Amino acid sequence: MELPAFEYHRPETPEQVVALLARYGDDADVVAGGTDLLPNYKNRLNAKPHVVSLAAVQGLNACTPTHLGALTRLVEIERSPAIRAALPVLAETAAEISSPPLREHGTVGGNLMLDTRCYYFNQSPMWRESKSYCLKAEGTQCLVVRNSTGACYATYSGELACALTALDAELDLLGPEGARRVPIFGFFHADGIVRFADRRPGEIVVGVRIPESAQALSAGYKKLRIRDSIDFPSLGIAVAVRVADDGTVADLRVVNTAMTGRPESFRSVVSGFVGRAASADLAAEVGAAVQKASLAYRNVPLDPKYRKKMSAVFVRRLLARLDDRFAE
């Protein structure tokens, strides 16, 4: 399918990008690698009359254990010796995203700002017309939850946000009012159309800051999908844990993605397990607690009940892999 007509802008600095977004407002989209935006445009999914390209923008390519630039390619994280040594969970997560050719183009910022997905949204124009249009594109009603009061139940499937939330990372944003830094946790909104709870008009993500303290954690990521290549996750789980010398859990974080309209943190759910001795029984308890607290939308290829059960399985497996005491 051909792309719809739009005016293409190619700024050279982040400030020029912000100025263009301030000028065109809701009539503009930003494109980096284009692995998500361009297929949506081909399917006539909320295409805008202006597209602002980041291809010529310089200075947003950092790839260190404490700083990721928004234009850093996913393959750079996957292959970085420094990332693999200090924060292997990020290399592991990046390697699970899409396919090798698309990781050559996909960026940190693009994966974080990924549009929400849904059976009723990510389809061709002919399919959507035959089914009736959904709230996220041309319609007036969410087809996932038909009695919803104007809310969209499309699912957020970005994977880096899951791992970065477990590491207490923060986003560097730049907008008309200047630069600011916000925690990734709380940045996303549960509504599939609103998408971002803490993003101001005209702001762009310019980078991610990861605290050095994250390197003291053992962290991992697991992804549930039908095909090992290409597919978006039907569930993603990130676990970060630190076990003290005496064998007790000193820190524990669990985050999921692809279950609701945003990454969900279970830090408060699992906080009660901190201070207890690491064991297989404890890993099972943590997994059961996460499963019970999980919510899953019915708009991805696998059944919600199955995805919730697999969240417990993934938590147990990740804990056992990250520390042998959870396997005993």
C-alpha atoms as a PDB file:
ATOM      1  CA  MET A   1       0.000   0.000   0.000  1.00  0.00           C
ATOM      2  CA  GLU A   2       1.116   3.534  -0.715  1.00  0.00           C
ATOM      3  CA  LEU A   3       1.720   6.125   1.936  1.00  0.00           C
ATOM      4  CA  PRO A   4      -0.821   8.956   2.173  1.00  0.00           C
ATOM      5  CA  ALA A   5       0.286  12.436   1.170  1.00  0.00           C
ATOM      6  CA  PHE A   6       1.992  14.530   3.852  1.00  0.00           C
ATOM      7  CA  GLU A   7       4.505  17.341   4.142  1.00  0.00           C
ATOM      8  CA  TYR A   8       7.915  16.031   5.164  1.00  0.00           C
ATOM      9  CA  HIS A   9      10.141  18.025   7.520  1.00  0.00           C
ATOM     10  CA  ARG A  10      13.812  17.233   8.204  1.00  0.00           C
ATOM     11  CA  PRO A  11      15.113  19.349  11.126  1.00  0.00           C
ATOM     12  CA  GLU A  12      18.722  19.094  12.276  1.00  0.00           C
ATOM     13  CA  THR A  13      18.436  19.790  16.016  1.00  0.00           C
ATOM     14  CA  PRO A  14      16.074  18.725  18.818  1.00  0.00           C
ATOM     15  CA  GLU A  15      15.118  22.388  19.250  1.00  0.00           C
ATOM     16  CA  GLN A  16      14.023  22.579  15.616  1.00  0.00           C
ATOM     17  CA  VAL A  17      11.907  19.454  16.114  1.00  0.00           C
ATOM     18  CA  VAL A  18      10.184  21.060  19.106  1.00  0.00           C
ATOM     19  CA  ALA A  19       9.573  24.256  17.113  1.00  0.00           C
ATOM     20  CA  LEU A  20       7.909  22.301  14.301  1.00  0.00           C
ATOM     21  CA  LEU A  21       5.702  20.411  16.746  1.00  0.00           C
ATOM     22  CA  ALA A  22       4.733  23.689  18.389  1.00  0.00           C
ATOM     23  CA  ARG A  23       3.796  25.073  14.963  1.00  0.00           C
ATOM     24  CA  TYR A  24       1.738  22.115  13.731  1.00  0.00           C
ATOM     25  CA  GLY A  25       0.441  20.678  17.010  1.00  0.00           C
ATOM     26  CA  ASP A  26      -1.862  17.682  16.561  1.00  0.00           C
ATOM     27  CA  ASP A  27      -1.364  17.824  12.788  1.00  0.00           C
ATOM     28  CA  ALA A  28       2.189  16.436  13.058  1.00  0.00           C
ATOM     29  CA  ASP A  29       3.793  13.089  13.803  1.00  0.00           C
ATOM     30  CA  VAL A  30       7.446  12.345  14.569  1.00  0.00           C
ATOM     31  CA  VAL A  31       9.253   9.531  12.752  1.00  0.00           C
ATOM     32  CA  ALA A  32      12.592   7.983  13.657  1.00  0.00           C
ATOM     33  CA  GLY A  33      13.114   4.405  12.408  1.00  0.00           C
ATOM     34  CA  GLY A  34       9.557   4.297  11.032  1.00  0.00           C
ATOM     35  CA  THR A  35       8.987   0.620  11.872  1.00  0.00           C
ATOM     36  CA  ASP A  36       5.674   1.402  13.597  1.00  0.00           C
ATOM     37  CA  LEU A  37       4.526   4.712  12.131  1.00  0.00           C
ATOM     38  CA  LEU A  38       4.918   3.911   8.435  1.00  0.00           C
ATOM     39  CA  PRO A  39       2.912   0.631   8.480  1.00  0.00           C
ATOM     40  CA  ASN A  40       0.165   2.504  10.325  1.00  0.00           C
ATOM     41  CA  TYR A  41       0.210   5.252   7.721  1.00  0.00           C
ATOM     42  CA  LYS A  42      -0.076   2.688   4.931  1.00  0.00           C
ATOM     43  CA  ASN A  43      -3.187   1.373   6.645  1.00  0.00           C
ATOM     44  CA  ARG A  44      -4.518   4.952   6.946  1.00  0.00           C
ATOM     45  CA  LEU A  45      -4.404   4.792  10.737  1.00  0.00           C
ATOM     46  CA  ASN A  46      -4.602   8.387  11.980  1.00  0.00           C
ATOM     47  CA  ALA A  47      -2.180   9.755   9.402  1.00  0.00           C
ATOM     48  CA  LYS A  48      -1.203  13.412   9.870  1.00  0.00           C
ATOM     49  CA  PRO A  49      -0.581  16.098   7.219  1.00  0.00           C
ATOM     50  CA  HIS A  50       2.919  16.779   8.588  1.00  0.00           C
ATOM     51  CA  VAL A  51       5.668  14.275   9.414  1.00  0.00           C
ATOM     52  CA  VAL A  52       8.771  15.466  11.260  1.00  0.00           C
ATOM     53  CA  SER A  53      11.772  13.223  10.601  1.00  0.00           C
ATOM     54  CA  LEU A  54      14.573  12.794  13.133  1.00  0.00           C
ATOM     55  CA  ALA A  55      16.953  11.346  10.537  1.00  0.00           C
ATOM     56  CA  ALA A  56      19.215  14.417  10.455  1.00  0.00           C
ATOM     57  CA  VAL A  57      19.144  15.203  14.190  1.00  0.00           C
ATOM     58  CA  GLN A  58      22.537  14.814  15.861  1.00  0.00           C
ATOM     59  CA  GLY A  59      23.548  14.178  19.478  1.00  0.00           C
ATOM     60  CA  LEU A  60      20.851  11.700  20.532  1.00  0.00           C
ATOM     61  CA  ASN A  61      22.831   8.484  20.048  1.00  0.00           C
ATOM     62  CA  ALA A  62      24.318   7.797  23.491  1.00  0.00           C
ATOM     63  CA  CYS A  63      24.596   4.111  24.395  1.00  0.00           C
ATOM     64  CA  THR A  64      26.060   3.667  27.873  1.00  0.00           C
ATOM     65  CA  PRO A  65      24.870   1.872  31.021  1.00  0.00           C
ATOM     66  CA  THR A  66      23.613   5.187  32.429  1.00  0.00           C
ATOM     67  CA  HIS A  67      22.413   7.035  29.308  1.00  0.00           C
ATOM     68  CA  LEU A  68      20.544   5.960  26.188  1.00  0.00           C
ATOM     69  CA  GLY A  69      19.836   8.487  23.465  1.00  0.00           C
ATOM     70  CA  ALA A  70      16.400   8.533  21.853  1.00  0.00           C
ATOM     71  CA  LEU A  71      17.913   7.796  18.428  1.00  0.00           C
ATOM     72  CA  THR A  72      20.077   4.913  19.600  1.00  0.00           C
ATOM     73  CA  ARG A  73      19.232   1.904  17.450  1.00  0.00           C
ATOM     74  CA  LEU A  74      17.954  -1.214  19.177  1.00  0.00           C
ATOM     75  CA  VAL A  75      20.729  -3.260  17.585  1.00  0.00           C
ATOM     76  CA  GLU A  76      23.313  -0.997  19.231  1.00  0.00           C
ATOM     77  CA  ILE A  77      21.944  -1.848  22.678  1.00  0.00           C
ATOM     78  CA  GLU A  78      21.777  -5.529  21.756  1.00  0.00           C
ATOM     79  CA  ARG A  79      25.450  -5.594  20.716  1.00  0.00           C
ATOM     80  CA  SER A  80      26.985  -3.107  23.154  1.00  0.00           C
ATOM     81  CA  PRO A  81      29.723  -4.760  25.287  1.00  0.00           C
ATOM     82  CA  ALA A  82      29.278  -2.094  27.979  1.00  0.00           C
ATOM     83  CA  ILE A  83      25.507  -2.678  28.194  1.00  0.00           C
ATOM     84  CA  ARG A  84      25.937  -6.448  28.199  1.00  0.00           C
ATOM     85  CA  ALA A  85      28.433  -6.236  31.052  1.00  0.00           C
ATOM     86  CA  ALA A  86      26.627  -3.711  33.282  1.00  0.00           C
ATOM     87  CA  LEU A  87      22.922  -4.132  32.413  1.00  0.00           C
ATOM     88  CA  PRO A  88      22.450  -7.357  30.437  1.00  0.00           C
ATOM     89  CA  VAL A  89      18.671  -7.084  30.834  1.00  0.00           C
ATOM     90  CA  LEU A  90      18.654  -4.174  28.354  1.00  0.00           C
ATOM     91  CA  ALA A  91      20.617  -6.128  25.741  1.00  0.00           C
ATOM     92  CA  GLU A  92      18.348  -9.105  26.363  1.00  0.00           C
ATOM     93  CA  THR A  93      15.201  -7.011  25.978  1.00  0.00           C
ATOM     94  CA  ALA A  94      16.427  -5.273  22.825  1.00  0.00           C
ATOM     95  CA  ALA A  95      17.302  -8.637  21.279  1.00  0.00           C
ATOM     96  CA  GLU A  96      13.705  -9.828  21.815  1.00  0.00           C
ATOM     97  CA  ILE A  97      12.122  -6.922  19.931  1.00  0.00           C
ATOM     98  CA  SER A  98      10.760  -7.657  16.459  1.00  0.00           C
ATOM     99  CA  SER A  99      13.303  -9.077  13.963  1.00  0.00           C
ATOM    100  CA  PRO A 100      16.983  -8.376  13.196  1.00  0.00           C
ATOM    101  CA  PRO A 101      16.289  -6.187  10.133  1.00  0.00           C
ATOM    102  CA  LEU A 102      13.782  -4.050  12.031  1.00  0.00           C
ATOM    103  CA  ARG A 103      16.112  -3.696  15.029  1.00  0.00           C
ATOM    104  CA  GLU A 104      18.603  -2.100  12.633  1.00  0.00           C
ATOM    105  CA  HIS A 105      16.068   0.722  12.141  1.00  0.00           C
ATOM    106  CA  GLY A 106      14.047   0.798  15.375  1.00  0.00           C
ATOM    107  CA  THR A 107      15.141   3.277  18.040  1.00  0.00           C
ATOM    108  CA  VAL A 108      14.949   3.679  21.813  1.00  0.00           C
ATOM    109  CA  GLY A 109      12.573   6.628  21.507  1.00  0.00           C
ATOM    110  CA  GLY A 110      10.423   4.856  18.954  1.00  0.00           C
ATOM    111  CA  ASN A 111      10.001   1.770  21.109  1.00  0.00           C
ATOM    112  CA  LEU A 112       9.171   3.834  24.178  1.00  0.00           C
ATOM    113  CA  MET A 113       6.618   5.933  22.279  1.00  0.00           C
ATOM    114  CA  LEU A 114       5.131   2.953  20.449  1.00  0.00           C
ATOM    115  CA  ASP A 115       1.491   3.413  19.547  1.00  0.00           C
ATOM    116  CA  THR A 116      -0.967   1.129  21.317  1.00  0.00           C
ATOM    117  CA  ARG A 117      -2.213  -1.903  19.396  1.00  0.00           C
ATOM    118  CA  CYS A 118      -5.500  -3.748  19.063  1.00  0.00           C
ATOM    119  CA  TYR A 119      -7.293  -6.321  16.895  1.00  0.00           C
ATOM    120  CA  TYR A 120      -9.753  -3.646  15.825  1.00  0.00           C
ATOM    121  CA  PHE A 121      -7.192  -0.921  15.141  1.00  0.00           C
ATOM    122  CA  ASN A 122      -4.167  -2.468  13.411  1.00  0.00           C
ATOM    123  CA  GLN A 123      -6.027  -3.654  10.338  1.00  0.00           C
ATOM    124  CA  SER A 124      -6.497  -2.588   6.736  1.00  0.00           C
ATOM    125  CA  PRO A 125      -9.084   0.076   5.868  1.00  0.00           C
ATOM    126  CA  MET A 126     -11.328  -2.548   4.221  1.00  0.00           C
ATOM    127  CA  TRP A 127     -11.242  -4.794   7.321  1.00  0.00           C
ATOM    128  CA  ARG A 128     -12.006  -1.906   9.665  1.00  0.00           C
ATOM    129  CA  GLU A 129     -14.887  -0.690   7.509  1.00  0.00           C
ATOM    130  CA  SER A 130     -16.458  -4.164   7.380  1.00  0.00           C
ATOM    131  CA  LYS A 131     -16.237  -4.598  11.166  1.00  0.00           C
ATOM    132  CA  SER A 132     -17.191  -0.991  11.973  1.00  0.00           C
ATOM    133  CA  TYR A 133     -14.576   1.537  12.988  1.00  0.00           C
ATOM    134  CA  CYS A 134     -13.220   1.661  16.522  1.00  0.00           C
ATOM    135  CA  LEU A 135     -12.801   4.577  18.915  1.00  0.00           C
ATOM    136  CA  LYS A 136      -9.072   4.863  18.170  1.00  0.00           C
ATOM    137  CA  ALA A 137      -9.615   5.423  14.448  1.00  0.00           C
ATOM    138  CA  GLU A 138     -12.736   6.994  12.901  1.00  0.00           C
ATOM    139  CA  GLY A 139     -15.238   5.293  15.225  1.00  0.00           C
ATOM    140  CA  THR A 140     -17.124   6.341  18.334  1.00  0.00           C
ATOM    141  CA  GLN A 141     -16.935   3.158  20.434  1.00  0.00           C
ATOM    142  CA  CYS A 142     -14.208   0.888  21.796  1.00  0.00           C
ATOM    143  CA  LEU A 143     -14.849  -2.544  20.306  1.00  0.00           C
ATOM    144  CA  VAL A 144     -12.852  -4.350  23.000  1.00  0.00           C
ATOM    145  CA  VAL A 145     -15.108  -3.151  25.823  1.00  0.00           C
ATOM    146  CA  ARG A 146     -18.249  -2.010  24.054  1.00  0.00           C
ATOM    147  CA  ASN A 147     -19.881  -0.484  27.114  1.00  0.00           C
ATOM    148  CA  SER A 148     -16.829   1.582  28.022  1.00  0.00           C
ATOM    149  CA  THR A 149     -17.433   5.264  28.708  1.00  0.00           C
ATOM    150  CA  GLY A 150     -15.226   6.731  26.017  1.00  0.00           C
ATOM    151  CA  ALA A 151     -12.030   4.919  27.051  1.00  0.00           C
ATOM    152  CA  CYS A 152      -9.809   3.031  24.590  1.00  0.00           C
ATOM    153  CA  TYR A 153      -8.594  -0.437  25.573  1.00  0.00           C
ATOM    154  CA  ALA A 154      -5.810  -0.780  23.039  1.00  0.00           C
ATOM    155  CA  THR A 155      -2.660  -2.391  24.471  1.00  0.00           C
ATOM    156  CA  TYR A 156       0.777  -0.878  24.927  1.00  0.00           C
ATOM    157  CA  SER A 157       3.389  -3.330  23.613  1.00  0.00           C
ATOM    158  CA  GLY A 158       6.656  -1.413  24.018  1.00  0.00           C
ATOM    159  CA  GLU A 159       9.297  -3.609  25.632  1.00  0.00           C
ATOM    160  CA  LEU A 160      12.124  -1.303  26.658  1.00  0.00           C
ATOM    161  CA  ALA A 161       9.764   0.595  28.974  1.00  0.00           C
ATOM    162  CA  CYS A 162       9.132  -2.643  30.864  1.00  0.00           C
ATOM    163  CA  ALA A 163      12.809  -3.282  31.615  1.00  0.00           C
ATOM    164  CA  LEU A 164      13.632   0.385  32.175  1.00  0.00           C
ATOM    165  CA  THR A 165      10.796   0.762  34.689  1.00  0.00           C
ATOM    166  CA  ALA A 166      12.244  -2.134  36.671  1.00  0.00           C
ATOM    167  CA  LEU A 167      15.570  -0.262  36.712  1.00  0.00           C
ATOM    168  CA  ASP A 168      14.019   3.022  37.962  1.00  0.00           C
ATOM    169  CA  ALA A 169      15.019   4.843  34.776  1.00  0.00           C
ATOM    170  CA  GLU A 170      13.948   8.383  33.910  1.00  0.00           C
ATOM    171  CA  LEU A 171      13.095  10.096  30.629  1.00  0.00           C
ATOM    172  CA  ASP A 172      14.774  13.262  29.394  1.00  0.00           C
ATOM    173  CA  LEU A 173      12.123  15.373  27.654  1.00  0.00           C
ATOM    174  CA  LEU A 174      12.460  18.554  25.620  1.00  0.00           C
ATOM    175  CA  GLY A 175       9.522  20.829  24.838  1.00  0.00           C
ATOM    176  CA  PRO A 176       8.487  24.436  24.286  1.00  0.00           C
ATOM    177  CA  GLU A 177       8.894  25.073  28.021  1.00  0.00           C
ATOM    178  CA  GLY A 178      12.421  23.626  28.087  1.00  0.00           C
ATOM    179  CA  ALA A 179      13.987  20.401  29.314  1.00  0.00           C
ATOM    180  CA  ARG A 180      12.791  18.258  32.178  1.00  0.00           C
ATOM    181  CA  ARG A 181      13.298  14.752  33.544  1.00  0.00           C
ATOM    182  CA  VAL A 182      10.477  12.445  34.651  1.00  0.00           C
ATOM    183  CA  PRO A 183      10.325   8.831  35.917  1.00  0.00           C
ATOM    184  CA  ILE A 184       9.269   6.304  33.299  1.00  0.00           C
ATOM    185  CA  PHE A 185       6.890   4.863  35.858  1.00  0.00           C
ATOM    186  CA  GLY A 186       3.856   7.127  35.740  1.00  0.00           C
ATOM    187  CA  PHE A 187       4.704   8.588  32.323  1.00  0.00           C
ATOM    188  CA  PHE A 188       2.223   6.350  30.500  1.00  0.00           C
ATOM    189  CA  HIS A 189      -1.565   6.589  30.633  1.00  0.00           C
ATOM    190  CA  ALA A 190      -3.907   3.581  30.778  1.00  0.00           C
ATOM    191  CA  ASP A 191      -6.112   4.937  27.946  1.00  0.00           C
ATOM    192  CA  GLY A 192      -4.987   3.686  24.535  1.00  0.00           C
ATOM    193  CA  ILE A 193      -5.666   7.019  22.847  1.00  0.00           C
ATOM    194  CA  VAL A 194      -4.354   9.373  25.516  1.00  0.00           C
ATOM    195  CA  ARG A 195      -1.261   7.140  25.895  1.00  0.00           C
ATOM    196  CA  PHE A 196       0.891   9.488  27.995  1.00  0.00           C
ATOM    197  CA  ALA A 197      -0.079  10.798  31.418  1.00  0.00           C
ATOM    198  CA  ASP A 198       2.948  13.042  31.873  1.00  0.00           C
ATOM    199  CA  ARG A 199       3.771  14.393  28.426  1.00  0.00           C
ATOM    200  CA  ARG A 200       3.193  18.054  27.677  1.00  0.00           C
ATOM    201  CA  PRO A 201       2.186  19.337  24.209  1.00  0.00           C
ATOM    202  CA  GLY A 202       5.121  19.498  21.829  1.00  0.00           C
ATOM    203  CA  GLU A 203       7.516  17.483  23.996  1.00  0.00           C
ATOM    204  CA  ILE A 204       9.825  14.843  22.581  1.00  0.00           C
ATOM    205  CA  VAL A 205      11.873  12.156  24.297  1.00  0.00           C
ATOM    206  CA  VAL A 206      15.570  12.934  23.860  1.00  0.00           C
ATOM    207  CA  GLY A 207      17.025  10.229  26.098  1.00  0.00           C
ATOM    208  CA  VAL A 208      16.828   7.860  29.044  1.00  0.00           C
ATOM    209  CA  ARG A 209      18.800   8.121  32.278  1.00  0.00           C
ATOM    210  CA  ILE A 210      19.495   4.949  34.255  1.00  0.00           C
ATOM    211  CA  PRO A 211      20.756   5.205  37.834  1.00  0.00           C
ATOM    212  CA  GLU A 212      24.114   3.559  38.590  1.00  0.00           C
ATOM    213  CA  SER A 213      22.374   1.739  41.432  1.00  0.00           C
ATOM    214  CA  ALA A 214      20.558  -0.358  38.797  1.00  0.00           C
ATOM    215  CA  GLN A 215      23.819  -2.172  38.117  1.00  0.00           C
ATOM    216  CA  ALA A 216      23.626  -3.751  41.584  1.00  0.00           C
ATOM    217  CA  LEU A 217      20.450  -5.578  40.562  1.00  0.00           C
ATOM    218  CA  SER A 218      20.145  -8.908  38.807  1.00  0.00           C
ATOM    219  CA  ALA A 219      17.525  -8.340  36.125  1.00  0.00           C
ATOM    220  CA  GLY A 220      15.982 -10.268  33.253  1.00  0.00           C
ATOM    221  CA  TYR A 221      13.194 -10.130  30.698  1.00  0.00           C
ATOM    222  CA  LYS A 222      10.945 -12.797  29.164  1.00  0.00           C
ATOM    223  CA  LYS A 223       8.488 -12.412  26.313  1.00  0.00           C
ATOM    224  CA  LEU A 224       5.432 -14.433  25.328  1.00  0.00           C
ATOM    225  CA  ARG A 225       4.530 -14.443  21.630  1.00  0.00           C
ATOM    226  CA  ILE A 226       3.333 -16.898  19.018  1.00  0.00           C
ATOM    227  CA  ARG A 227       6.308 -16.535  16.660  1.00  0.00           C
ATOM    228  CA  ASP A 228       9.875 -16.007  17.872  1.00  0.00           C
ATOM    229  CA  SER A 229      10.454 -13.425  15.172  1.00  0.00           C
ATOM    230  CA  ILE A 230       8.477 -10.320  14.208  1.00  0.00           C
ATOM    231  CA  ASP A 231       5.603 -10.641  16.688  1.00  0.00           C
ATOM    232  CA  PHE A 232       4.761  -8.014  19.262  1.00  0.00           C
ATOM    233  CA  PRO A 233       4.555  -9.447  22.788  1.00  0.00           C
ATOM    234  CA  SER A 234       1.326 -10.858  24.149  1.00  0.00           C
ATOM    235  CA  LEU A 235       3.083 -10.572  27.512  1.00  0.00           C
ATOM    236  CA  GLY A 236       6.435  -9.232  28.605  1.00  0.00           C
ATOM    237  CA  ILE A 237       7.804  -9.580  32.138  1.00  0.00           C
ATOM    238  CA  ALA A 238      10.841  -7.852  33.626  1.00  0.00           C
ATOM    239  CA  VAL A 239      12.152  -8.869  37.047  1.00  0.00           C
ATOM    240  CA  ALA A 240      14.906  -7.115  38.991  1.00  0.00           C
ATOM    241  CA  VAL A 241      16.141  -8.539  42.290  1.00  0.00           C
ATOM    242  CA  ARG A 242      18.976  -8.178  44.776  1.00  0.00           C
ATOM    243  CA  VAL A 243      19.645 -10.894  47.312  1.00  0.00           C
ATOM    244  CA  ALA A 244      21.723 -10.002  50.375  1.00  0.00           C
ATOM    245  CA  ASP A 245      24.704 -12.043  51.535  1.00  0.00           C
ATOM    246  CA  ASP A 246      22.545 -13.704  54.178  1.00  0.00           C
ATOM    247  CA  GLY A 247      20.191 -15.011  51.479  1.00  0.00           C
ATOM    248  CA  THR A 248      17.300 -12.641  52.106  1.00  0.00           C
ATOM    249  CA  VAL A 249      15.670 -10.553  49.397  1.00  0.00           C
ATOM    250  CA  ALA A 250      16.947  -6.976  49.691  1.00  0.00           C
ATOM    251  CA  ASP A 251      15.141  -5.522  46.653  1.00  0.00           C
ATOM    252  CA  LEU A 252      12.502  -6.850  44.274  1.00  0.00           C
ATOM    253  CA  ARG A 253      10.708  -5.327  41.282  1.00  0.00           C
ATOM    254  CA  VAL A 254       8.344  -6.857  38.717  1.00  0.00           C
ATOM    255  CA  VAL A 255       6.942  -5.023  35.672  1.00  0.00           C
ATOM    256  CA  ASN A 256       4.848  -6.250  32.766  1.00  0.00           C
ATOM    257  CA  THR A 257       3.958  -5.005  29.300  1.00  0.00           C
ATOM    258  CA  ALA A 258       1.412  -5.929  26.590  1.00  0.00           C
ATOM    259  CA  MET A 259      -1.313  -6.622  29.127  1.00  0.00           C
ATOM    260  CA  THR A 260      -3.019  -3.217  29.418  1.00  0.00           C
ATOM    261  CA  GLY A 261      -2.695   0.269  27.961  1.00  0.00           C
ATOM    262  CA  ARG A 262       0.633   0.911  29.756  1.00  0.00           C
ATOM    263  CA  PRO A 263       3.510  -0.916  31.452  1.00  0.00           C
ATOM    264  CA  GLU A 264       2.324  -2.029  34.888  1.00  0.00           C
ATOM    265  CA  SER A 265       4.624  -2.074  37.933  1.00  0.00           C
ATOM    266  CA  PHE A 266       3.969  -4.585  40.725  1.00  0.00           C
ATOM    267  CA  ARG A 267       6.469  -3.076  43.123  1.00  0.00           C
ATOM    268  CA  SER A 268       3.876  -2.513  45.844  1.00  0.00           C
ATOM    269  CA  VAL A 269       2.483  -6.026  45.273  1.00  0.00           C
ATOM    270  CA  VAL A 270       5.864  -7.722  45.797  1.00  0.00           C
ATOM    271  CA  SER A 271       7.246  -5.371  48.459  1.00  0.00           C
ATOM    272  CA  GLY A 272       5.998  -7.694  51.199  1.00  0.00           C
ATOM    273  CA  PHE A 273       8.438 -10.389  50.032  1.00  0.00           C
ATOM    274  CA  VAL A 274      11.480  -8.194  50.727  1.00  0.00           C
ATOM    275  CA  GLY A 275      13.340  -9.461  53.779  1.00  0.00           C
ATOM    276  CA  ARG A 276      12.346 -13.088  53.294  1.00  0.00           C
ATOM    277  CA  ALA A 277      14.787 -15.854  52.395  1.00  0.00           C
ATOM    278  CA  ALA A 278      15.189 -16.542  48.694  1.00  0.00           C
ATOM    279  CA  SER A 279      13.776 -19.953  47.778  1.00  0.00           C
ATOM    280  CA  ALA A 280      11.742 -21.764  45.155  1.00  0.00           C
ATOM    281  CA  ASP A 281       8.693 -21.508  47.383  1.00  0.00           C
ATOM    282  CA  LEU A 282       9.136 -17.736  47.636  1.00  0.00           C
ATOM    283  CA  ALA A 283       9.508 -17.469  43.846  1.00  0.00           C
ATOM    284  CA  ALA A 284       6.206 -19.322  43.482  1.00  0.00           C
ATOM    285  CA  GLU A 285       4.541 -16.960  45.964  1.00  0.00           C
ATOM    286  CA  VAL A 286       5.820 -13.912  44.083  1.00  0.00           C
ATOM    287  CA  GLY A 287       4.576 -15.330  40.788  1.00  0.00           C
ATOM    288  CA  ALA A 288       1.149 -16.097  42.251  1.00  0.00           C
ATOM    289  CA  ALA A 289       0.876 -12.573  43.676  1.00  0.00           C
ATOM    290  CA  VAL A 290       1.730 -11.010  40.315  1.00  0.00           C
ATOM    291  CA  GLN A 291      -0.762 -13.260  38.522  1.00  0.00           C
ATOM    292  CA  LYS A 292      -3.526 -12.322  40.935  1.00  0.00           C
ATOM    293  CA  ALA A 293      -2.824  -8.591  40.580  1.00  0.00           C
ATOM    294  CA  SER A 294      -2.513  -8.676  36.772  1.00  0.00           C
ATOM    295  CA  LEU A 295      -5.105  -7.318  34.378  1.00  0.00           C
ATOM    296  CA  ALA A 296      -5.126  -8.472  30.750  1.00  0.00           C
ATOM    297  CA  TYR A 297      -7.067  -6.934  27.864  1.00  0.00           C
ATOM    298  CA  ARG A 298      -8.638  -9.281  25.313  1.00  0.00           C
ATOM    299  CA  ASN A 299      -7.104  -7.705  22.219  1.00  0.00           C
ATOM    300  CA  VAL A 300      -3.864  -9.580  21.487  1.00  0.00           C
ATOM    301  CA  PRO A 301      -3.392 -13.073  20.010  1.00  0.00           C
ATOM    302  CA  LEU A 302      -3.359 -15.039  23.292  1.00  0.00           C
ATOM    303  CA  ASP A 303      -6.170 -15.448  25.836  1.00  0.00           C
ATOM    304  CA  PRO A 304      -6.129 -13.155  28.906  1.00  0.00           C
ATOM    305  CA  LYS A 305      -6.348 -16.048  31.407  1.00  0.00           C
ATOM    306  CA  TYR A 306      -3.427 -17.803  29.735  1.00  0.00           C
ATOM    307  CA  ARG A 307      -1.335 -14.624  29.733  1.00  0.00           C
ATOM    308  CA  LYS A 308      -2.040 -14.097  33.444  1.00  0.00           C
ATOM    309  CA  LYS A 309      -0.986 -17.676  34.225  1.00  0.00           C
ATOM    310  CA  MET A 310       2.166 -17.243  32.165  1.00  0.00           C
ATOM    311  CA  SER A 311       3.050 -14.106  34.094  1.00  0.00           C
ATOM    312  CA  ALA A 312       3.428 -16.292  37.199  1.00  0.00           C
ATOM    313  CA  VAL A 313       5.475 -18.839  35.251  1.00  0.00           C
ATOM    314  CA  PHE A 314       7.759 -16.150  33.839  1.00  0.00           C
ATOM    315  CA  VAL A 315       8.313 -14.572  37.264  1.00  0.00           C
ATOM    316  CA  ARG A 316       9.314 -17.951  38.734  1.00  0.00           C
ATOM    317  CA  ARG A 317      11.615 -18.771  35.832  1.00  0.00           C
ATOM    318  CA  LEU A 318      13.269 -15.370  35.848  1.00  0.00           C
ATOM    319  CA  LEU A 319      13.915 -15.452  39.595  1.00  0.00           C
ATOM    320  CA  ALA A 320      15.415 -18.944  39.335  1.00  0.00           C
ATOM    321  CA  ARG A 321      17.623 -17.831  36.452  1.00  0.00           C
ATOM    322  CA  LEU A 322      18.752 -14.650  38.181  1.00  0.00           C
ATOM    323  CA  ASP A 323      19.683 -16.324  41.476  1.00  0.00           C
ATOM    324  CA  ASP A 324      20.125 -20.048  42.097  1.00  0.00           C
ATOM    325  CA  ARG A 325      18.617 -19.741  45.574  1.00  0.00           C
ATOM    326  CA  PHE A 326      15.200 -19.218  43.975  1.00  0.00           C
ATOM    327  CA  ALA A 327      15.567 -22.565  42.225  1.00  0.00           C
ATOM    328  CA  GLU A 328      16.348 -24.553  45.366  1.00  0.00           C
END
